[in-house]
Amino acid sequence: MNDKRKKTSPPYATFASFTNFLNKLRDTSVPDRIDPSVFGSASGSISYSVIASLKYLNLIDDEGTPSPRFGTLVKATDEERKALLREVIEESYPSLFRGKIDLQTISAGQFDEHIREEFQVQGSTVDKIASFFIAAANMAGIQISPYLASRKPVASSPSSRKSSRQRRDGNEGSRSDLQSSSPPPSAPAKALEYQLIDLMSEPDIDETVKQSIWSLVQYLTARKSKSAAGAD
């Protein structure tokens, strides 16, 4: 199980969406299967990213069937959830708790490097993974360094990269023509499954297409896990 978590990407849903979903089920009931239909009017990107998070945290299986621990986590009070969530987080991020990482002294830069290398993700995905982990650690009472706790997003937008290049070209005078002919630096590629999940938030995509995209996301995730298992 740890090998699978190591090779697949950890939660990149917003932690607020994750906890809001738990609270919604606490006010109603835990269904036999967690699928997009139980999220009501929530957008596709929210529902699918939360489902992916629950799978990574081993709270539901690949078919969406909730684990006993998930039911306990849902029904727990806010105070009771802290200890339960701590167990889930510590088990789900083995490289952060049972490796060479010291979360109480790590810098934000070291954390980002570890996430990139451990999970093979780049760009804004690193920011989202870090944001979820930091928020979860805070709720669970897990001690993290003040440098990580105050981490700021580091992924730059295409527009900021363009503005920086334009300013540089303007300052270099006669060299601007040569520089403008060079291709701009490419942004770090986001994992395909994340791109697909983002695509499902588009307003003009109907439910049939969303289901097809989600099937592809599940296939890609399963293939990545299978390849990782073979490599080990």
C-alpha atoms as a PDB file:
ATOM      1  CA  MET A   1       0.000   0.000   0.000  1.00  0.00           C
ATOM      2  CA  ASN A   2       2.831   2.403   0.822  1.00  0.00           C
ATOM      3  CA  ASP A   3       4.420   1.836  -2.603  1.00  0.00           C
ATOM      4  CA  LYS A   4       1.159   2.776  -4.270  1.00  0.00           C
ATOM      5  CA  ARG A   5       0.894   5.982  -2.261  1.00  0.00           C
ATOM      6  CA  LYS A   6       4.496   6.806  -3.021  1.00  0.00           C
ATOM      7  CA  LYS A   7       4.040   6.635  -6.781  1.00  0.00           C
ATOM      8  CA  THR A   8       0.574   8.178  -7.088  1.00  0.00           C
ATOM      9  CA  SER A   9      -0.038  11.844  -6.398  1.00  0.00           C
ATOM     10  CA  PRO A  10      -1.323  12.828  -2.944  1.00  0.00           C
ATOM     11  CA  PRO A  11      -4.397  15.035  -2.364  1.00  0.00           C
ATOM     12  CA  TYR A  12      -4.494  18.279  -4.285  1.00  0.00           C
ATOM     13  CA  ALA A  13      -8.110  19.160  -3.541  1.00  0.00           C
ATOM     14  CA  THR A  14      -8.599  22.147  -1.282  1.00  0.00           C
ATOM     15  CA  PHE A  15      -8.700  21.048   2.342  1.00  0.00           C
ATOM     16  CA  ALA A  16     -11.882  23.086   2.811  1.00  0.00           C
ATOM     17  CA  SER A  17     -13.623  21.027   0.114  1.00  0.00           C
ATOM     18  CA  PHE A  18     -12.439  17.848   1.805  1.00  0.00           C
ATOM     19  CA  THR A  19     -13.717  18.813   5.268  1.00  0.00           C
ATOM     20  CA  ASN A  20     -16.943  20.278   3.883  1.00  0.00           C
ATOM     21  CA  PHE A  21     -17.678  16.924   2.270  1.00  0.00           C
ATOM     22  CA  LEU A  22     -17.063  15.092   5.543  1.00  0.00           C
ATOM     23  CA  ASN A  23     -19.404  17.499   7.322  1.00  0.00           C
ATOM     24  CA  LYS A  24     -22.080  17.060   4.675  1.00  0.00           C
ATOM     25  CA  LEU A  25     -22.039  13.288   5.195  1.00  0.00           C
ATOM     26  CA  ARG A  26     -22.039  13.723   8.959  1.00  0.00           C
ATOM     27  CA  ASP A  27     -25.273  15.710   8.629  1.00  0.00           C
ATOM     28  CA  THR A  28     -26.819  13.036   6.381  1.00  0.00           C
ATOM     29  CA  SER A  29     -25.267   9.569   6.079  1.00  0.00           C
ATOM     30  CA  VAL A  30     -22.384   7.703   4.466  1.00  0.00           C
ATOM     31  CA  PRO A  31     -23.495   6.204   1.128  1.00  0.00           C
ATOM     32  CA  ASP A  32     -22.527   2.727  -0.028  1.00  0.00           C
ATOM     33  CA  ARG A  33     -20.380   4.267  -2.754  1.00  0.00           C
ATOM     34  CA  ILE A  34     -18.626   7.621  -3.034  1.00  0.00           C
ATOM     35  CA  ASP A  35     -19.105   8.907  -6.571  1.00  0.00           C
ATOM     36  CA  PRO A  36     -19.786  12.334  -8.121  1.00  0.00           C
ATOM     37  CA  SER A  37     -23.545  11.988  -7.621  1.00  0.00           C
ATOM     38  CA  VAL A  38     -23.206  12.314  -3.822  1.00  0.00           C
ATOM     39  CA  PHE A  39     -21.656  15.792  -4.130  1.00  0.00           C
ATOM     40  CA  GLY A  40     -24.869  17.463  -5.201  1.00  0.00           C
ATOM     41  CA  SER A  41     -24.308  20.746  -7.004  1.00  0.00           C
ATOM     42  CA  ALA A  42     -20.550  20.823  -6.424  1.00  0.00           C
ATOM     43  CA  SER A  43     -18.444  21.332  -9.536  1.00  0.00           C
ATOM     44  CA  GLY A  44     -16.806  18.414 -11.290  1.00  0.00           C
ATOM     45  CA  SER A  45     -13.322  19.567 -10.336  1.00  0.00           C
ATOM     46  CA  ILE A  46     -14.276  19.585  -6.636  1.00  0.00           C
ATOM     47  CA  SER A  47     -16.016  16.222  -6.611  1.00  0.00           C
ATOM     48  CA  TYR A  48     -13.374  14.365  -8.591  1.00  0.00           C
ATOM     49  CA  SER A  49     -10.439  15.909  -6.719  1.00  0.00           C
ATOM     50  CA  VAL A  50     -12.011  15.023  -3.357  1.00  0.00           C
ATOM     51  CA  ILE A  51     -12.667  11.456  -4.558  1.00  0.00           C
ATOM     52  CA  ALA A  52      -9.030  11.169  -5.668  1.00  0.00           C
ATOM     53  CA  SER A  53      -7.952  12.446  -2.237  1.00  0.00           C
ATOM     54  CA  LEU A  54     -10.103   9.886  -0.424  1.00  0.00           C
ATOM     55  CA  LYS A  55      -8.581   7.113  -2.518  1.00  0.00           C
ATOM     56  CA  TYR A  56      -5.031   8.204  -1.827  1.00  0.00           C
ATOM     57  CA  LEU A  57      -5.771   8.420   1.899  1.00  0.00           C
ATOM     58  CA  ASN A  58      -7.163   4.880   1.746  1.00  0.00           C
ATOM     59  CA  LEU A  59     -10.564   6.062   2.979  1.00  0.00           C
ATOM     60  CA  ILE A  60     -12.331   4.565  -0.033  1.00  0.00           C
ATOM     61  CA  ASP A  61     -11.218   1.843  -2.430  1.00  0.00           C
ATOM     62  CA  ASP A  62     -10.834   2.063  -6.216  1.00  0.00           C
ATOM     63  CA  GLU A  63     -14.551   1.352  -6.624  1.00  0.00           C
ATOM     64  CA  GLY A  64     -15.538   4.130  -4.222  1.00  0.00           C
ATOM     65  CA  THR A  65     -16.540   1.823  -1.364  1.00  0.00           C
ATOM     66  CA  PRO A  66     -15.949   3.569   1.994  1.00  0.00           C
ATOM     67  CA  SER A  67     -13.629   1.941   4.526  1.00  0.00           C
ATOM     68  CA  PRO A  68     -14.716   1.514   8.162  1.00  0.00           C
ATOM     69  CA  ARG A  69     -12.218   4.250   9.083  1.00  0.00           C
ATOM     70  CA  PHE A  70     -13.945   6.643   6.706  1.00  0.00           C
ATOM     71  CA  GLY A  71     -17.262   6.102   8.450  1.00  0.00           C
ATOM     72  CA  THR A  72     -15.630   6.725  11.815  1.00  0.00           C
ATOM     73  CA  LEU A  73     -13.965   9.898  10.538  1.00  0.00           C
ATOM     74  CA  VAL A  74     -17.246  11.219   9.148  1.00  0.00           C
ATOM     75  CA  LYS A  75     -19.251  10.578  12.328  1.00  0.00           C
ATOM     76  CA  ALA A  76     -16.588  11.936  14.695  1.00  0.00           C
ATOM     77  CA  THR A  77     -16.912  15.336  16.317  1.00  0.00           C
ATOM     78  CA  ASP A  78     -14.514  18.081  15.263  1.00  0.00           C
ATOM     79  CA  GLU A  79     -12.364  17.381  18.320  1.00  0.00           C
ATOM     80  CA  GLU A  80     -12.384  13.604  17.793  1.00  0.00           C
ATOM     81  CA  ARG A  81     -11.380  14.039  14.173  1.00  0.00           C
ATOM     82  CA  LYS A  82      -8.005  15.512  15.083  1.00  0.00           C
ATOM     83  CA  ALA A  83      -6.536  12.237  16.350  1.00  0.00           C
ATOM     84  CA  LEU A  84      -8.222  10.206  13.600  1.00  0.00           C
ATOM     85  CA  LEU A  85      -6.957  12.519  10.878  1.00  0.00           C
ATOM     86  CA  ARG A  86      -3.461  12.416  12.338  1.00  0.00           C
ATOM     87  CA  GLU A  87      -3.384   8.636  11.959  1.00  0.00           C
ATOM     88  CA  VAL A  88      -4.597   8.895   8.369  1.00  0.00           C
ATOM     89  CA  ILE A  89      -2.033  11.558   7.419  1.00  0.00           C
ATOM     90  CA  GLU A  90       0.920   9.814   9.068  1.00  0.00           C
ATOM     91  CA  GLU A  91       0.094   6.525   7.344  1.00  0.00           C
ATOM     92  CA  SER A  92      -0.562   8.134   3.961  1.00  0.00           C
ATOM     93  CA  TYR A  93       2.675  10.121   3.659  1.00  0.00           C
ATOM     94  CA  PRO A  94       5.313   7.544   4.675  1.00  0.00           C
ATOM     95  CA  SER A  95       8.222   9.455   3.137  1.00  0.00           C
ATOM     96  CA  LEU A  96       7.416  12.467   5.300  1.00  0.00           C
ATOM     97  CA  PHE A  97       7.083  10.567   8.576  1.00  0.00           C
ATOM     98  CA  ARG A  98       9.250   7.477   8.193  1.00  0.00           C
ATOM     99  CA  GLY A  99      12.067   8.769   6.040  1.00  0.00           C
ATOM    100  CA  LYS A 100      14.849  11.328   6.347  1.00  0.00           C
ATOM    101  CA  ILE A 101      12.490  14.310   6.447  1.00  0.00           C
ATOM    102  CA  ASP A 102      12.190  16.281   9.688  1.00  0.00           C
ATOM    103  CA  LEU A 103       8.933  18.201   9.428  1.00  0.00           C
ATOM    104  CA  GLN A 104       9.774  20.329  12.455  1.00  0.00           C
ATOM    105  CA  THR A 105      12.840  21.883  10.822  1.00  0.00           C
ATOM    106  CA  ILE A 106      12.229  21.518   7.074  1.00  0.00           C
ATOM    107  CA  SER A 107      12.191  24.623   4.886  1.00  0.00           C
ATOM    108  CA  ALA A 108       9.427  25.275   2.384  1.00  0.00           C
ATOM    109  CA  GLY A 109      11.945  24.834  -0.434  1.00  0.00           C
ATOM    110  CA  GLN A 110      13.053  21.436   0.868  1.00  0.00           C
ATOM    111  CA  PHE A 111       9.435  20.353   1.168  1.00  0.00           C
ATOM    112  CA  ASP A 112       8.711  21.396  -2.417  1.00  0.00           C
ATOM    113  CA  GLU A 113      11.773  19.537  -3.709  1.00  0.00           C
ATOM    114  CA  HIS A 114      10.700  16.408  -1.868  1.00  0.00           C
ATOM    115  CA  ILE A 115       7.174  16.570  -3.299  1.00  0.00           C
ATOM    116  CA  ARG A 116       8.515  17.019  -6.841  1.00  0.00           C
ATOM    117  CA  GLU A 117      10.937  14.117  -6.557  1.00  0.00           C
ATOM    118  CA  GLU A 118       8.743  11.753  -4.566  1.00  0.00           C
ATOM    119  CA  PHE A 119       5.536  12.160  -6.564  1.00  0.00           C
ATOM    120  CA  GLN A 120       6.828  13.395  -9.937  1.00  0.00           C
ATOM    121  CA  VAL A 121       4.657  16.527 -10.014  1.00  0.00           C
ATOM    122  CA  GLN A 122       5.442  20.106 -11.033  1.00  0.00           C
ATOM    123  CA  GLY A 123       4.131  23.647 -11.079  1.00  0.00           C
ATOM    124  CA  SER A 124       0.862  24.566  -9.403  1.00  0.00           C
ATOM    125  CA  THR A 125       0.265  20.926  -8.463  1.00  0.00           C
ATOM    126  CA  VAL A 126       3.073  21.217  -5.910  1.00  0.00           C
ATOM    127  CA  ASP A 127       1.342  24.263  -4.416  1.00  0.00           C
ATOM    128  CA  LYS A 128      -1.968  22.420  -4.158  1.00  0.00           C
ATOM    129  CA  ILE A 129      -0.421  19.322  -2.591  1.00  0.00           C
ATOM    130  CA  ALA A 130       1.467  21.477  -0.095  1.00  0.00           C
ATOM    131  CA  SER A 131      -1.628  23.499   0.752  1.00  0.00           C
ATOM    132  CA  PHE A 132      -3.670  20.375   1.531  1.00  0.00           C
ATOM    133  CA  PHE A 133      -0.918  18.817   3.627  1.00  0.00           C
ATOM    134  CA  ILE A 134      -0.233  21.959   5.666  1.00  0.00           C
ATOM    135  CA  ALA A 135      -3.931  22.499   6.402  1.00  0.00           C
ATOM    136  CA  ALA A 136      -4.401  18.828   7.328  1.00  0.00           C
ATOM    137  CA  ALA A 137      -1.334  18.889   9.573  1.00  0.00           C
ATOM    138  CA  ASN A 138      -2.621  21.968  11.352  1.00  0.00           C
ATOM    139  CA  MET A 139      -6.011  20.399  12.006  1.00  0.00           C
ATOM    140  CA  ALA A 140      -4.463  17.107  13.132  1.00  0.00           C
ATOM    141  CA  GLY A 141      -2.035  18.782  15.531  1.00  0.00           C
ATOM    142  CA  ILE A 142       1.029  17.609  13.602  1.00  0.00           C
ATOM    143  CA  GLN A 143       4.001  19.840  14.307  1.00  0.00           C
ATOM    144  CA  ILE A 144       5.584  21.366  11.216  1.00  0.00           C
ATOM    145  CA  SER A 145       8.327  23.950  10.932  1.00  0.00           C
ATOM    146  CA  PRO A 146       7.389  27.655  10.889  1.00  0.00           C
ATOM    147  CA  TYR A 147       9.038  27.870   7.449  1.00  0.00           C
ATOM    148  CA  LEU A 148       6.647  25.287   6.044  1.00  0.00           C
ATOM    149  CA  ALA A 149       3.659  26.701   7.929  1.00  0.00           C
ATOM    150  CA  SER A 150       4.213  30.103   6.300  1.00  0.00           C
ATOM    151  CA  ARG A 151       4.883  28.684   2.824  1.00  0.00           C
ATOM    152  CA  LYS A 152       3.670  30.824  -0.092  1.00  0.00           C
ATOM    153  CA  PRO A 153       2.601  29.555  -3.541  1.00  0.00           C
ATOM    154  CA  VAL A 154       5.583  29.498  -5.878  1.00  0.00           C
ATOM    155  CA  ALA A 155       4.123  28.512  -9.257  1.00  0.00           C
ATOM    156  CA  SER A 156       4.197  31.533 -11.555  1.00  0.00           C
ATOM    157  CA  SER A 157       1.464  32.259 -14.064  1.00  0.00           C
ATOM    158  CA  PRO A 158       2.037  32.410 -17.845  1.00  0.00           C
ATOM    159  CA  SER A 159       1.211  36.153 -17.778  1.00  0.00           C
ATOM    160  CA  SER A 160       3.867  36.907 -15.150  1.00  0.00           C
ATOM    161  CA  ARG A 161       6.470  34.996 -17.154  1.00  0.00           C
ATOM    162  CA  LYS A 162       5.498  36.948 -20.257  1.00  0.00           C
ATOM    163  CA  SER A 163       5.731  40.307 -18.470  1.00  0.00           C
ATOM    164  CA  SER A 164       9.154  39.435 -17.100  1.00  0.00           C
ATOM    165  CA  ARG A 165      10.403  38.519 -20.557  1.00  0.00           C
ATOM    166  CA  GLN A 166       8.999  41.680 -22.100  1.00  0.00           C
ATOM    167  CA  ARG A 167      10.756  43.847 -19.504  1.00  0.00           C
ATOM    168  CA  ARG A 168      14.027  42.038 -20.062  1.00  0.00           C
ATOM    169  CA  ASP A 169      13.774  42.333 -23.844  1.00  0.00           C
ATOM    170  CA  GLY A 170      13.064  46.054 -23.590  1.00  0.00           C
ATOM    171  CA  ASN A 171      16.164  46.605 -21.459  1.00  0.00           C
ATOM    172  CA  GLU A 172      18.462  44.719 -23.783  1.00  0.00           C
ATOM    173  CA  GLY A 173      17.901  47.006 -26.760  1.00  0.00           C
ATOM    174  CA  SER A 174      19.346  45.646 -29.965  1.00  0.00           C
ATOM    175  CA  ARG A 175      19.353  42.052 -28.641  1.00  0.00           C
ATOM    176  CA  SER A 176      15.559  41.970 -28.370  1.00  0.00           C
ATOM    177  CA  ASP A 177      15.076  40.772 -31.944  1.00  0.00           C
ATOM    178  CA  LEU A 178      17.317  37.802 -31.355  1.00  0.00           C
ATOM    179  CA  GLN A 179      15.631  36.939 -28.070  1.00  0.00           C
ATOM    180  CA  SER A 180      12.108  37.260 -29.455  1.00  0.00           C
ATOM    181  CA  SER A 181      12.923  34.608 -32.030  1.00  0.00           C
ATOM    182  CA  SER A 182      13.777  32.113 -29.297  1.00  0.00           C
ATOM    183  CA  PRO A 183      10.972  29.937 -27.951  1.00  0.00           C
ATOM    184  CA  PRO A 184       9.745  30.989 -24.477  1.00  0.00           C
ATOM    185  CA  PRO A 185      10.594  28.683 -21.591  1.00  0.00           C
ATOM    186  CA  SER A 186       7.967  26.029 -21.178  1.00  0.00           C
ATOM    187  CA  ALA A 187       6.034  25.814 -17.936  1.00  0.00           C
ATOM    188  CA  PRO A 188       6.426  22.645 -15.855  1.00  0.00           C
ATOM    189  CA  ALA A 189       3.968  20.064 -17.092  1.00  0.00           C
ATOM    190  CA  LYS A 190       1.071  19.160 -14.835  1.00  0.00           C
ATOM    191  CA  ALA A 191       0.323  15.453 -14.569  1.00  0.00           C
ATOM    192  CA  LEU A 192      -2.215  14.393 -17.190  1.00  0.00           C
ATOM    193  CA  GLU A 193      -4.727  13.135 -14.638  1.00  0.00           C
ATOM    194  CA  TYR A 194      -4.733  16.572 -12.988  1.00  0.00           C
ATOM    195  CA  GLN A 195      -5.244  18.277 -16.333  1.00  0.00           C
ATOM    196  CA  LEU A 196      -8.217  16.023 -16.968  1.00  0.00           C
ATOM    197  CA  ILE A 197      -9.725  16.752 -13.562  1.00  0.00           C
ATOM    198  CA  ASP A 198      -9.373  20.480 -14.235  1.00  0.00           C
ATOM    199  CA  LEU A 199     -11.047  19.973 -17.600  1.00  0.00           C
ATOM    200  CA  MET A 200     -14.133  18.579 -15.897  1.00  0.00           C
ATOM    201  CA  SER A 201     -14.785  21.963 -14.323  1.00  0.00           C
ATOM    202  CA  GLU A 202     -15.510  23.508 -17.726  1.00  0.00           C
ATOM    203  CA  PRO A 203     -19.153  24.691 -17.769  1.00  0.00           C
ATOM    204  CA  ASP A 204     -19.966  23.329 -21.234  1.00  0.00           C
ATOM    205  CA  ILE A 205     -19.036  19.697 -20.513  1.00  0.00           C
ATOM    206  CA  ASP A 206     -22.051  17.461 -20.011  1.00  0.00           C
ATOM    207  CA  GLU A 207     -22.277  14.611 -17.520  1.00  0.00           C
ATOM    208  CA  THR A 208     -21.611  11.867 -20.084  1.00  0.00           C
ATOM    209  CA  VAL A 209     -18.323  13.456 -21.079  1.00  0.00           C
ATOM    210  CA  LYS A 210     -17.380  13.963 -17.425  1.00  0.00           C
ATOM    211  CA  GLN A 211     -17.923  10.261 -16.744  1.00  0.00           C
ATOM    212  CA  SER A 212     -15.747   9.370 -19.721  1.00  0.00           C
ATOM    213  CA  ILE A 213     -12.984  11.685 -18.520  1.00  0.00           C
ATOM    214  CA  TRP A 214     -13.197  10.229 -15.020  1.00  0.00           C
ATOM    215  CA  SER A 215     -12.872   6.703 -16.414  1.00  0.00           C
ATOM    216  CA  LEU A 216      -9.693   7.825 -18.168  1.00  0.00           C
ATOM    217  CA  VAL A 217      -8.369   9.382 -14.936  1.00  0.00           C
ATOM    218  CA  GLN A 218      -8.944   6.095 -13.109  1.00  0.00           C
ATOM    219  CA  TYR A 219      -7.207   4.173 -15.900  1.00  0.00           C
ATOM    220  CA  LEU A 220      -4.167   6.469 -15.806  1.00  0.00           C
ATOM    221  CA  THR A 221      -3.938   6.222 -12.029  1.00  0.00           C
ATOM    222  CA  ALA A 222      -4.185   2.424 -12.115  1.00  0.00           C
ATOM    223  CA  ARG A 223      -1.565   2.219 -14.871  1.00  0.00           C
ATOM    224  CA  LYS A 224       0.823   4.444 -12.907  1.00  0.00           C
ATOM    225  CA  SER A 225       0.384   2.256  -9.829  1.00  0.00           C
ATOM    226  CA  LYS A 226       0.936  -0.920 -11.857  1.00  0.00           C
ATOM    227  CA  SER A 227       4.082   0.473 -13.448  1.00  0.00           C
ATOM    228  CA  ALA A 228       5.393   1.525 -10.040  1.00  0.00           C
ATOM    229  CA  ALA A 229       4.756  -1.927  -8.619  1.00  0.00           C
ATOM    230  CA  GLY A 230       6.613  -3.527 -11.526  1.00  0.00           C
ATOM    231  CA  ALA A 231       9.566  -1.189 -11.076  1.00  0.00           C
ATOM    232  CA  ASP A 232       9.828  -2.101  -7.395  1.00  0.00           C
END
